[in-house]
Amino acid sequence: MIQHCGMFGGYEIVLIIVAILLLFGGKKIPELARGLGKGVKEFKDAAEDSNLKQDLKDIASEVGDLKESVDKVNPKKALDDLKQPFKAGKKK
């Protein structure tokens, strides 16, 4: 029969469980499972934090772009820009 690499059958899983029981004993397994669970949770939190940092950078970039757009449309600044050539002409 052709078997798929990387897939465990029922006998392999039972053999692994028996080996773990023999190596660590029944009392140690819940502690190992808790430690594994905490490690997985910390990994997920770290992955979410990295996404959060990227999201914050994206938001900051969008806010900067929005500020530039508002500055272009700002009527006060537009009037100041229009007055600028006249002010330069008067000083000469």
Protein backbone atom coordinates (compact mmCIF):
# COMPACT_ATOMS: atom_id res chain seq x y z
CA MET A 1 0.00 0.00 0.00
CA ILE A 2 1.05 3.55 -0.64
CA GLN A 3 1.10 5.74 2.48
CA HIS A 4 1.10 9.51 2.55
CA CYS A 5 4.15 11.09 4.09
CA GLY A 6 3.51 13.20 7.16
CA MET A 7 0.14 11.67 8.04
CA PHE A 8 -0.19 9.66 11.21
CA GLY A 9 -2.46 6.65 11.43
CA GLY A 10 -4.17 5.30 14.53
CA TYR A 11 -1.30 2.97 15.49
CA GLU A 12 1.30 5.71 15.21
CA ILE A 13 -0.68 8.06 17.45
CA VAL A 14 -1.18 5.34 20.08
CA LEU A 15 2.54 4.56 19.97
CA ILE A 16 3.43 8.23 20.44
CA ILE A 17 1.03 8.57 23.39
CA VAL A 18 2.48 5.46 25.05
CA ALA A 19 6.02 6.79 24.55
CA ILE A 20 5.07 10.13 26.11
CA LEU A 21 3.45 8.39 29.08
CA LEU A 22 6.56 6.27 29.63
CA LEU A 23 8.94 9.22 29.32
CA PHE A 24 7.12 11.83 31.39
CA GLY A 25 4.66 9.91 33.55
CA GLY A 26 1.00 10.64 34.19
CA LYS A 27 1.57 13.50 36.63
CA LYS A 28 3.83 15.51 34.36
CA ILE A 29 1.60 15.46 31.25
CA PRO A 30 -0.97 18.06 32.48
CA GLU A 31 1.88 20.44 33.32
CA LEU A 32 3.37 19.94 29.86
CA ALA A 33 -0.03 20.53 28.25
CA ARG A 34 -0.50 23.75 30.24
CA GLY A 35 2.95 24.95 29.23
CA LEU A 36 2.24 24.13 25.60
CA GLY A 37 -1.09 25.97 25.80
CA LYS A 38 0.56 29.05 27.30
CA GLY A 39 3.23 28.98 24.62
CA VAL A 40 0.63 28.81 21.84
CA LYS A 41 -1.33 31.67 23.44
CA GLU A 42 1.79 33.85 23.71
CA PHE A 43 2.63 33.10 20.09
CA LYS A 44 -0.86 34.13 18.96
CA ASP A 45 -0.67 37.32 21.06
CA ALA A 46 2.73 38.17 19.57
CA ALA A 47 1.40 37.58 16.06
CA GLU A 48 -1.58 39.86 16.77
CA ASP A 49 0.70 42.53 18.25
CA SER A 50 2.83 42.59 15.12
CA ASN A 51 -0.32 43.03 13.06
CA LEU A 52 -1.39 45.81 15.42
CA LYS A 53 1.90 47.64 14.89
CA GLN A 54 1.50 47.42 11.13
CA ASP A 55 -2.10 48.60 11.39
CA LEU A 56 -1.03 51.60 13.47
CA LYS A 57 1.65 52.48 10.93
CA ASP A 58 -0.93 52.27 8.14
CA ILE A 59 -3.35 54.51 10.05
CA ALA A 60 -0.60 57.05 10.77
CA SER A 61 0.29 57.13 7.09
CA GLU A 62 -3.35 57.63 6.11
CA VAL A 63 -3.74 60.43 8.66
CA GLY A 64 -0.65 62.14 7.24
CA ASP A 65 -2.05 61.86 3.71
CA LEU A 66 -5.38 63.22 4.90
CA LYS A 67 -3.67 66.15 6.60
CA GLU A 68 -1.81 67.00 3.39
CA SER A 69 -5.07 66.86 1.43
CA VAL A 70 -6.81 69.14 3.92
CA ASP A 71 -3.91 71.59 3.79
CA LYS A 72 -4.27 71.78 0.00
CA VAL A 73 -7.99 72.58 0.30
CA ASN A 74 -7.63 74.92 3.31
CA PRO A 75 -9.08 78.29 2.17
CA LYS A 76 -6.91 80.32 4.51
CA LYS A 77 -3.76 78.77 3.13
CA ALA A 78 -5.06 79.23 -0.41
CA LEU A 79 -5.58 82.96 0.25
CA ASP A 80 -2.12 83.23 1.78
CA ASP A 81 -0.66 81.57 -1.31
CA LEU A 82 -2.51 84.05 -3.53
CA LYS A 83 -1.30 87.03 -1.49
CA GLN A 84 2.30 85.82 -1.58
CA PRO A 85 3.15 87.19 -5.06
CA PHE A 86 1.66 90.59 -4.17
CA LYS A 87 3.66 90.78 -0.92
CA ALA A 88 6.87 89.95 -2.76
CA GLY A 89 6.13 92.72 -5.30
CA LYS A 90 5.56 95.36 -2.60
CA LYS A 91 8.83 94.65 -0.78
CA LYS A 92 10.93 95.30 -3.87
